[in-house]
PDB file of N, CA and C in Angstrom:
ATOM      1  N   UNK A   1      -1.268-100.182-105.188  1.00  0.00           N
ATOM      2  CA  UNK A   1      -2.380 -99.996-105.585  1.00  0.00           C
ATOM      3  C   UNK A   1      -3.019-100.774-103.817  1.00  0.00           C
ATOM      4  N   UNK A   2      -4.634-100.581-103.670  1.00  0.00           N
ATOM      5  CA  UNK A   2      -5.080-100.749-102.942  1.00  0.00           C
ATOM      6  C   UNK A   2      -6.492-101.663-103.628  1.00  0.00           C
ATOM      7  N   UNK A   3      -6.755-101.281-104.745  1.00  0.00           N
ATOM      8  CA  UNK A   3      -7.810-101.675-105.724  1.00  0.00           C
ATOM      9  C   UNK A   3      -7.816-101.210-106.892  1.00  0.00           C
ATOM     10  N   UNK A   4      -7.276-102.282-107.786  1.00  0.00           N
ATOM     11  CA  UNK A   4      -7.658-102.374-109.349  1.00  0.00           C
ATOM     12  C   UNK A   4      -8.263-103.377-109.749  1.00  0.00           C
ATOM     13  N   UNK A   5      -8.594-102.589-110.843  1.00  0.00           N
ATOM     14  CA  UNK A   5      -9.973-102.736-111.736  1.00  0.00           C
ATOM     15  C   UNK A   5      -9.531-102.885-113.025  1.00  0.00           C
ATOM     16  N   UNK A   6      -9.833-104.626-113.151  1.00  0.00           N
ATOM     17  CA  UNK A   6      -9.944-104.660-114.862  1.00  0.00           C
ATOM     18  C   UNK A   6     -10.858-104.782-115.433  1.00  0.00           C
ATOM     19  N   UNK A   7     -11.178-104.105-116.617  1.00  0.00           N
ATOM     20  CA  UNK A   7     -12.450-104.596-117.433  1.00  0.00           C
ATOM     21  C   UNK A   7     -12.559-105.748-117.524  1.00  0.00           C
ATOM     22  N   UNK A   8     -13.894-106.286-117.444  1.00  0.00           N
ATOM     23  CA  UNK A   8     -14.219-107.687-118.035  1.00  0.00           C
ATOM     24  C   UNK A   8     -14.872-107.328-119.829  1.00  0.00           C
ATOM     25  N   UNK A   9     -14.133-108.397-120.512  1.00  0.00           N
ATOM     26  CA  UNK A   9     -14.777-108.566-121.674  1.00  0.00           C
ATOM     27  C   UNK A   9     -15.040-109.655-122.341  1.00  0.00           C
ATOM     28  N   UNK A  10     -16.184-109.514-122.772  1.00  0.00           N
ATOM     29  CA  UNK A  10     -17.089-110.829-123.068  1.00  0.00           C
ATOM     30  C   UNK A  10     -16.087-111.555-124.352  1.00  0.00           C
ATOM     31  N   UNK A  11     -16.407-112.475-124.247  1.00  0.00           N
ATOM     32  CA  UNK A  11     -15.848-113.996-125.450  1.00  0.00           C
ATOM     33  C   UNK A  11     -16.147-113.441-126.851  1.00  0.00           C
ATOM     34  N   UNK A  12     -17.183-113.204-126.877  1.00  0.00           N
ATOM     35  CA  UNK A  12     -17.627-112.636-128.103  1.00  0.00           C
ATOM     36  C   UNK A  12     -17.154-111.525-128.289  1.00  0.00           C
ATOM     37  N   UNK A  13     -16.873-110.431-127.462  1.00  0.00           N
ATOM     38  CA  UNK A  13     -15.816-109.224-127.833  1.00  0.00           C
ATOM     39  C   UNK A  13     -14.468-109.704-128.149  1.00  0.00           C
ATOM     40  N   UNK A  14     -14.082-110.484-127.183  1.00  0.00           N
ATOM     41  CA  UNK A  14     -12.630-110.659-126.982  1.00  0.00           C
ATOM     42  C   UNK A  14     -12.036-111.144-128.349  1.00  0.00           C
ATOM     43  N   UNK A  15     -12.737-112.256-128.924  1.00  0.00           N
ATOM     44  CA  UNK A  15     -12.773-113.217-130.339  1.00  0.00           C
ATOM     45  C   UNK A  15     -12.818-112.272-131.201  1.00  0.00           C
ATOM     46  N   UNK A  16     -13.038-111.178-131.519  1.00  0.00           N
ATOM     47  CA  UNK A  16     -12.937-109.762-132.527  1.00  0.00           C
ATOM     48  C   UNK A  16     -11.529-108.961-132.571  1.00  0.00           C
ATOM     49  N   UNK A  17     -10.635-109.420-131.650  1.00  0.00           N
ATOM     50  CA  UNK A  17      -9.669-108.304-131.203  1.00  0.00           C
ATOM     51  C   UNK A  17      -8.563-108.849-132.611  1.00  0.00           C
ATOM     52  N   UNK A  18      -8.188-108.181-132.937  1.00  0.00           N
ATOM     53  CA  UNK A  18      -6.881-108.211-133.934  1.00  0.00           C
ATOM     54  C   UNK A  18      -5.728-107.671-133.348  1.00  0.00           C
ATOM     55  N   UNK A  19      -4.857-108.576-133.192  1.00  0.00           N
ATOM     56  CA  UNK A  19      -3.131-107.812-132.327  1.00  0.00           C
ATOM     57  C   UNK A  19      -3.586-107.417-130.890  1.00  0.00           C
ATOM     58  N   UNK A  20      -3.343-105.805-130.747  1.00  0.00           N
ATOM     59  CA  UNK A  20      -3.444-105.557-129.077  1.00  0.00           C
ATOM     60  C   UNK A  20      -4.316-103.940-129.453  1.00  0.00           C
ATOM     61  N   UNK A  21      -5.551-103.933-128.257  1.00  0.00           N
ATOM     62  CA  UNK A  21      -5.970-102.774-128.655  1.00  0.00           C
ATOM     63  C   UNK A  21      -5.581-101.721-127.043  1.00  0.00           C
ATOM     64  N   UNK A  22      -4.905-100.577-127.343  1.00  0.00           N
ATOM     65  CA  UNK A  22      -4.096 -99.819-126.140  1.00  0.00           C
ATOM     66  C   UNK A  22      -5.375 -98.535-125.922  1.00  0.00           C
ATOM     67  N   UNK A  23      -5.529 -98.582-124.824  1.00  0.00           N
ATOM     68  CA  UNK A  23      -6.411 -97.108-124.168  1.00  0.00           C
ATOM     69  C   UNK A  23      -5.590 -96.524-122.636  1.00  0.00           C
ATOM     70  N   UNK A  24      -4.856 -95.261-122.795  1.00  0.00           N
ATOM     71  CA  UNK A  24      -4.569 -94.555-121.455  1.00  0.00           C
ATOM     72  C   UNK A  24      -5.133 -94.022-120.962  1.00  0.00           C
ATOM     73  N   UNK A  25      -5.511 -93.542-119.440  1.00  0.00           N
ATOM     74  CA  UNK A  25      -6.172 -93.198-118.918  1.00  0.00           C
ATOM     75  C   UNK A  25      -5.208 -92.346-117.694  1.00  0.00           C
ATOM     76  N   UNK A  26      -5.693 -90.852-117.910  1.00  0.00           N
ATOM     77  CA  UNK A  26      -4.629 -90.166-116.362  1.00  0.00           C
ATOM     78  C   UNK A  26      -5.676 -90.370-115.628  1.00  0.00           C
ATOM     79  N   UNK A  27      -5.712 -90.239-114.160  1.00  0.00           N
ATOM     80  CA  UNK A  27      -6.077 -90.254-113.020  1.00  0.00           C
ATOM     81  C   UNK A  27      -5.784 -89.794-112.112  1.00  0.00           C
ATOM     82  N   UNK A  28      -6.144 -88.239-111.556  1.00  0.00           N
ATOM     83  CA  UNK A  28      -5.707 -87.862-110.700  1.00  0.00           C
ATOM     84  C   UNK A  28      -6.440 -88.170-108.476  1.00  0.00           C
ATOM     85  N   UNK A  29      -5.709 -88.334-108.098  1.00  0.00           N
ATOM     86  CA  UNK A  29      -6.034 -89.354-106.862  1.00  0.00           C
ATOM     87  C   UNK A  29      -5.421 -88.204-105.636  1.00  0.00           C
ATOM     88  N   UNK A  30      -6.628 -88.267-104.978  1.00  0.00           N
ATOM     89  CA  UNK A  30      -6.276 -87.326-103.210  1.00  0.00           C
ATOM     90  C   UNK A  30      -4.980 -88.516-103.133  1.00  0.00           C
ATOM     91  N   UNK A  31      -4.935 -87.138-101.920  1.00  0.00           N
ATOM     92  CA  UNK A  31      -4.256 -87.914-100.446  1.00  0.00           C
ATOM     93  C   UNK A  31      -4.658 -89.219-100.070  1.00  0.00           C
ATOM     94  N   UNK A  32      -5.763 -89.201 -99.974  1.00  0.00           N
ATOM     95  CA  UNK A  32      -6.572 -90.767 -99.133  1.00  0.00           C
ATOM     96  C   UNK A  32      -6.764 -91.752-100.184  1.00  0.00           C
ATOM     97  N   UNK A  33      -6.712 -91.346-101.534  1.00  0.00           N
ATOM     98  CA  UNK A  33      -5.770 -92.508-102.132  1.00  0.00           C
ATOM     99  C   UNK A  33      -7.273 -92.797-103.142  1.00  0.00           C
ATOM    100  N   UNK A  34      -8.170 -91.697-103.540  1.00  0.00           N
ATOM    101  CA  UNK A  34      -9.196 -92.035-104.238  1.00  0.00           C
ATOM    102  C   UNK A  34      -9.106 -91.049-105.483  1.00  0.00           C
ATOM    103  N   UNK A  35      -9.341 -91.566-106.705  1.00  0.00           N
ATOM    104  CA  UNK A  35      -9.600 -91.589-107.285  1.00  0.00           C
ATOM    105  C   UNK A  35     -10.560 -90.220-107.678  1.00  0.00           C
ATOM    106  N   UNK A  36     -10.204 -89.049-107.810  1.00  0.00           N
ATOM    107  CA  UNK A  36     -11.147 -87.475-108.334  1.00  0.00           C
ATOM    108  C   UNK A  36     -11.140 -86.947-109.038  1.00  0.00           C
ATOM    109  N   UNK A  37     -10.608 -88.001-110.182  1.00  0.00           N
ATOM    110  CA  UNK A  37     -10.784 -86.781-112.106  1.00  0.00           C
ATOM    111  C   UNK A  37     -10.408 -88.185-112.752  1.00  0.00           C
ATOM    112  N   UNK A  38     -10.822 -88.665-113.931  1.00  0.00           N
ATOM    113  CA  UNK A  38     -10.263 -89.117-114.939  1.00  0.00           C
ATOM    114  C   UNK A  38     -10.057 -88.314-116.248  1.00  0.00           C
ATOM    115  N   UNK A  39      -9.228 -88.380-116.664  1.00  0.00           N
ATOM    116  CA  UNK A  39      -8.696 -87.963-118.172  1.00  0.00           C
ATOM    117  C   UNK A  39      -8.737 -89.049-119.247  1.00  0.00           C
ATOM    118  N   UNK A  40      -9.221 -89.468-120.506  1.00  0.00           N
ATOM    119  CA  UNK A  40      -8.978 -89.784-121.524  1.00  0.00           C
ATOM    120  C   UNK A  40      -7.497 -89.262-122.196  1.00  0.00           C
ATOM    121  N   UNK A  41      -6.608 -90.146-121.842  1.00  0.00           N
ATOM    122  CA  UNK A  41      -5.234 -89.794-122.566  1.00  0.00           C
ATOM    123  C   UNK A  41      -5.343 -90.230-124.354  1.00  0.00           C
ATOM    124  N   UNK A  42      -5.787 -91.097-124.307  1.00  0.00           N
ATOM    125  CA  UNK A  42      -5.384 -92.068-125.439  1.00  0.00           C
ATOM    126  C   UNK A  42      -6.640 -93.440-125.497  1.00  0.00           C
ATOM    127  N   UNK A  43      -7.923 -92.650-126.527  1.00  0.00           N
ATOM    128  CA  UNK A  43      -9.086 -93.308-126.754  1.00  0.00           C
ATOM    129  C   UNK A  43      -8.658 -94.673-127.359  1.00  0.00           C
ATOM    130  N   UNK A  44      -7.909 -94.735-127.849  1.00  0.00           N
ATOM    131  CA  UNK A  44      -7.628 -95.794-128.932  1.00  0.00           C
ATOM    132  C   UNK A  44      -8.500 -96.323-130.340  1.00  0.00           C
ATOM    133  N   UNK A  45      -8.790 -97.112-130.590  1.00  0.00           N
ATOM    134  CA  UNK A  45      -9.329 -97.131-131.665  1.00  0.00           C
ATOM    135  C   UNK A  45     -11.544 -97.256-131.522  1.00  0.00           C
ATOM    136  N   UNK A  46     -11.100 -97.774-130.404  1.00  0.00           N
ATOM    137  CA  UNK A  46     -13.004 -98.365-129.480  1.00  0.00           C
ATOM    138  C   UNK A  46     -13.342 -97.468-128.925  1.00  0.00           C
ATOM    139  N   UNK A  47     -14.760 -96.762-128.903  1.00  0.00           N
ATOM    140  CA  UNK A  47     -15.298 -95.693-127.960  1.00  0.00           C
ATOM    141  C   UNK A  47     -16.273 -96.888-127.004  1.00  0.00           C
ATOM    142  N   UNK A  48     -16.609 -98.797-127.254  1.00  0.00           N
ATOM    143  CA  UNK A  48     -16.577 -99.272-126.276  1.00  0.00           C
ATOM    144  C   UNK A  48     -15.266 -99.641-125.521  1.00  0.00           C
ATOM    145  N   UNK A  49     -14.186 -99.991-125.796  1.00  0.00           N
ATOM    146  CA  UNK A  49     -12.996-100.406-124.819  1.00  0.00           C
ATOM    147  C   UNK A  49     -12.304 -98.675-123.940  1.00  0.00           C
ATOM    148  N   UNK A  50     -12.591 -97.691-124.771  1.00  0.00           N
ATOM    149  CA  UNK A  50     -12.196 -96.436-124.189  1.00  0.00           C
ATOM    150  C   UNK A  50     -13.397 -96.041-122.757  1.00  0.00           C
ATOM    151  N   UNK A  51     -14.593 -96.886-123.222  1.00  0.00           N
ATOM    152  CA  UNK A  51     -16.051 -96.689-121.935  1.00  0.00           C
ATOM    153  C   UNK A  51     -15.317 -97.388-121.088  1.00  0.00           C
ATOM    154  N   UNK A  52     -15.161 -98.838-121.385  1.00  0.00           N
ATOM    155  CA  UNK A  52     -15.097 -99.919-120.484  1.00  0.00           C
ATOM    156  C   UNK A  52     -13.892 -99.385-120.010  1.00  0.00           C
ATOM    157  N   UNK A  53     -12.672 -98.656-119.956  1.00  0.00           N
ATOM    158  CA  UNK A  53     -11.685 -98.288-119.418  1.00  0.00           C
ATOM    159  C   UNK A  53     -11.585 -97.243-118.281  1.00  0.00           C
ATOM    160  N   UNK A  54     -12.990 -96.510-119.048  1.00  0.00           N
ATOM    161  CA  UNK A  54     -12.872 -95.268-117.943  1.00  0.00           C
ATOM    162  C   UNK A  54     -13.674 -95.489-116.933  1.00  0.00           C
ATOM    163  N   UNK A  55     -14.560 -96.258-117.004  1.00  0.00           N
ATOM    164  CA  UNK A  55     -14.885 -97.246-116.023  1.00  0.00           C
ATOM    165  C   UNK A  55     -14.484 -97.413-115.068  1.00  0.00           C
ATOM    166  N   UNK A  56     -13.598 -98.477-115.249  1.00  0.00           N
ATOM    167  CA  UNK A  56     -12.866 -99.311-114.698  1.00  0.00           C
ATOM    168  C   UNK A  56     -11.775 -98.113-113.949  1.00  0.00           C
ATOM    169  N   UNK A  57     -11.085 -97.284-114.073  1.00  0.00           N
ATOM    170  CA  UNK A  57      -9.830 -96.177-113.842  1.00  0.00           C
ATOM    171  C   UNK A  57     -11.137 -96.022-112.551  1.00  0.00           C
ATOM    172  N   UNK A  58     -11.946 -95.561-112.931  1.00  0.00           N
ATOM    173  CA  UNK A  58     -13.000 -94.410-111.726  1.00  0.00           C
ATOM    174  C   UNK A  58     -13.347 -95.386-110.225  1.00  0.00           C
ATOM    175  N   UNK A  59     -13.242 -96.982-110.510  1.00  0.00           N
ATOM    176  CA  UNK A  59     -12.879 -97.523-109.223  1.00  0.00           C
ATOM    177  C   UNK A  59     -12.078 -97.805-108.607  1.00  0.00           C
ATOM    178  N   UNK A  60     -10.873 -97.403-109.048  1.00  0.00           N
ATOM    179  CA  UNK A  60      -9.337 -97.537-108.707  1.00  0.00           C
ATOM    180  C   UNK A  60      -9.247 -97.129-107.300  1.00  0.00           C
ATOM    181  N   UNK A  61      -8.509 -97.534-106.301  1.00  0.00           N
ATOM    182  CA  UNK A  61      -7.754 -97.212-105.117  1.00  0.00           C
ATOM    183  C   UNK A  61      -6.815 -97.337-105.169  1.00  0.00           C
ATOM    184  N   UNK A  62      -5.900 -95.886-104.248  1.00  0.00           N
ATOM    185  CA  UNK A  62      -4.733 -95.755-104.481  1.00  0.00           C
ATOM    186  C   UNK A  62      -4.170 -96.250-103.339  1.00  0.00           C
ATOM    187  N   UNK A  63      -2.691 -96.317-102.692  1.00  0.00           N
ATOM    188  CA  UNK A  63      -2.189 -96.141-100.997  1.00  0.00           C
ATOM    189  C   UNK A  63      -2.545 -94.966-100.563  1.00  0.00           C
ATOM    190  N   UNK A  64      -3.079 -94.505 -99.800  1.00  0.00           N
ATOM    191  CA  UNK A  64      -3.112 -92.733 -99.168  1.00  0.00           C
ATOM    192  C   UNK A  64      -1.456 -92.182 -99.272  1.00  0.00           C
ATOM    193  N   UNK A  65      -1.142 -91.062 -99.571  1.00  0.00           N
ATOM    194  CA  UNK A  65      -0.512 -90.012 -99.928  1.00  0.00           C
ATOM    195  C   UNK A  65       0.339 -89.763 -98.249  1.00  0.00           C
ATOM    196  N   UNK A  66       1.752 -89.583 -97.970  1.00  0.00           N
ATOM    197  CA  UNK A  66       2.071 -89.446 -96.691  1.00  0.00           C
ATOM    198  C   UNK A  66       1.925 -87.695 -96.618  1.00  0.00           C
ATOM    199  N   UNK A  67       2.103 -87.098 -97.998  1.00  0.00           N
ATOM    200  CA  UNK A  67       2.132 -85.814 -98.278  1.00  0.00           C
ATOM    201  C   UNK A  67      -0.225 -85.142 -98.293  1.00  0.00           C
ATOM    202  N   UNK A  68      -0.303 -83.967 -97.882  1.00  0.00           N
ATOM    203  CA  UNK A  68      -1.270 -83.408 -98.291  1.00  0.00           C
ATOM    204  C   UNK A  68      -1.710 -83.153-100.324  1.00  0.00           C
ATOM    205  N   UNK A  69      -1.061 -83.459-101.213  1.00  0.00           N
ATOM    206  CA  UNK A  69      -1.044 -83.034-101.979  1.00  0.00           C
ATOM    207  C   UNK A  69      -1.372 -84.321-103.180  1.00  0.00           C
ATOM    208  N   UNK A  70      -1.853 -83.841-103.973  1.00  0.00           N
ATOM    209  CA  UNK A  70      -2.769 -85.114-104.798  1.00  0.00           C
ATOM    210  C   UNK A  70      -2.238 -85.625-105.916  1.00  0.00           C
ATOM    211  N   UNK A  71      -1.983 -86.954-106.680  1.00  0.00           N
ATOM    212  CA  UNK A  71      -0.821 -86.994-107.272  1.00  0.00           C
ATOM    213  C   UNK A  71      -1.854 -87.642-108.898  1.00  0.00           C
ATOM    214  N   UNK A  72      -0.654 -88.147-109.571  1.00  0.00           N
ATOM    215  CA  UNK A  72      -1.484 -88.444-110.780  1.00  0.00           C
ATOM    216  C   UNK A  72      -0.864 -89.716-111.505  1.00  0.00           C
ATOM    217  N   UNK A  73      -1.564 -90.565-111.559  1.00  0.00           N
ATOM    218  CA  UNK A  73      -1.140 -91.977-112.460  1.00  0.00           C
ATOM    219  C   UNK A  73      -1.495 -91.700-113.728  1.00  0.00           C
ATOM    220  N   UNK A  74      -0.825 -92.878-114.530  1.00  0.00           N
ATOM    221  CA  UNK A  74      -1.448 -93.403-116.166  1.00  0.00           C
ATOM    222  C   UNK A  74      -1.487 -94.582-115.840  1.00  0.00           C
ATOM    223  N   UNK A  75      -2.786 -94.766-116.307  1.00  0.00           N
ATOM    224  CA  UNK A  75      -2.888 -96.221-116.118  1.00  0.00           C
ATOM    225  C   UNK A  75      -3.730 -96.859-117.822  1.00  0.00           C
ATOM    226  N   UNK A  76      -2.858 -97.543-118.324  1.00  0.00           N
ATOM    227  CA  UNK A  76      -2.439 -98.052-119.962  1.00  0.00           C
ATOM    228  C   UNK A  76      -3.099 -99.382-119.680  1.00  0.00           C
ATOM    229  N   UNK A  77      -4.513 -99.502-120.376  1.00  0.00           N
ATOM    230  CA  UNK A  77      -4.878-100.778-120.321  1.00  0.00           C
ATOM    231  C   UNK A  77      -4.564-101.511-121.366  1.00  0.00           C
ATOM    232  N   UNK A  78      -4.516-102.717-121.642  1.00  0.00           N
ATOM    233  CA  UNK A  78      -4.365-103.556-122.814  1.00  0.00           C
ATOM    234  C   UNK A  78      -4.949-104.624-123.123  1.00  0.00           C
ATOM    235  N   UNK A  79      -5.589-105.240-124.113  1.00  0.00           N
ATOM    236  CA  UNK A  79      -6.967-105.641-124.479  1.00  0.00           C
ATOM    237  C   UNK A  79      -6.205-106.647-125.850  1.00  0.00           C
ATOM    238  N   UNK A  80      -6.432-107.815-125.233  1.00  0.00           N
ATOM    239  CA  UNK A  80      -6.302-108.875-126.075  1.00  0.00           C
ATOM    240  C   UNK A  80      -7.157-109.958-126.208  1.00  0.00           C
ATOM    241  N   UNK A  81      -7.078-110.536-127.127  1.00  0.00           N
ATOM    242  CA  UNK A  81      -7.921-112.082-127.455  1.00  0.00           C
ATOM    243  C   UNK A  81      -7.720-112.671-125.744  1.00  0.00           C
ATOM    244  N   UNK A  82      -6.925-112.823-124.979  1.00  0.00           N
ATOM    245  CA  UNK A  82      -6.622-113.582-123.555  1.00  0.00           C
ATOM    246  C   UNK A  82      -7.402-112.692-122.805  1.00  0.00           C
ATOM    247  N   UNK A  83      -7.825-111.363-122.852  1.00  0.00           N
ATOM    248  CA  UNK A  83      -8.485-110.698-121.788  1.00  0.00           C
ATOM    249  C   UNK A  83      -7.599-109.131-121.556  1.00  0.00           C
ATOM    250  N   UNK A  84      -7.835-108.771-120.718  1.00  0.00           N
ATOM    251  CA  UNK A  84      -7.592-107.766-120.018  1.00  0.00           C
ATOM    252  C   UNK A  84      -6.459-107.504-119.323  1.00  0.00           C
ATOM    253  N   UNK A  85      -5.363-106.211-119.273  1.00  0.00           N
ATOM    254  CA  UNK A  85      -4.130-105.649-118.561  1.00  0.00           C
ATOM    255  C   UNK A  85      -3.853-104.976-118.583  1.00  0.00           C
ATOM    256  N   UNK A  86      -3.089-103.926-117.398  1.00  0.00           N
ATOM    257  CA  UNK A  86      -3.030-102.788-117.162  1.00  0.00           C
ATOM    258  C   UNK A  86      -1.468-102.662-116.785  1.00  0.00           C
ATOM    259  N   UNK A  87      -0.908-101.531-117.301  1.00  0.00           N
ATOM    260  CA  UNK A  87      -0.070-100.846-116.415  1.00  0.00           C
ATOM    261  C   UNK A  87      -0.224 -99.507-116.678  1.00  0.00           C
ATOM    262  N   UNK A  88       0.257 -99.696-114.826  1.00  0.00           N
ATOM    263  CA  UNK A  88       0.450 -98.200-114.602  1.00  0.00           C
ATOM    264  C   UNK A  88       1.982 -97.552-114.323  1.00  0.00           C
ATOM    265  N   UNK A  89       1.834 -95.836-114.140  1.00  0.00           N
ATOM    266  CA  UNK A  89       3.205 -95.487-114.171  1.00  0.00           C
ATOM    267  C   UNK A  89       2.565 -93.836-113.168  1.00  0.00           C
ATOM    268  N   UNK A  90       3.571 -93.546-112.283  1.00  0.00           N
ATOM    269  CA  UNK A  90       3.016 -92.739-111.749  1.00  0.00           C
ATOM    270  C   UNK A  90       4.074 -91.432-111.953  1.00  0.00           C
ATOM    271  N   UNK A  91       3.325 -90.318-112.729  1.00  0.00           N
ATOM    272  CA  UNK A  91       3.586 -89.096-112.792  1.00  0.00           C
ATOM    273  C   UNK A  91       4.044 -87.804-111.861  1.00  0.00           C
TER     274      UNK A  91
END
């Protein structure tokens, strides 16, 4: 990753989280490492967290590829009272 963006969740919203909230976003990445498209794989229980996850995923920048083919990555955002984290998986 060249640039990975985590959503900032205000304290007043984080304090209301019970357990963990997961949002999974699939991103299409061009050979230069730019995000070309975003698909909501699992929006989770909240439109708010789905929206901020989508916005963050669009700002990511990946390492350029040695080939001319597009790549697909899965970004799994996790939200807790402590903040946001993300796990990535190339498809």
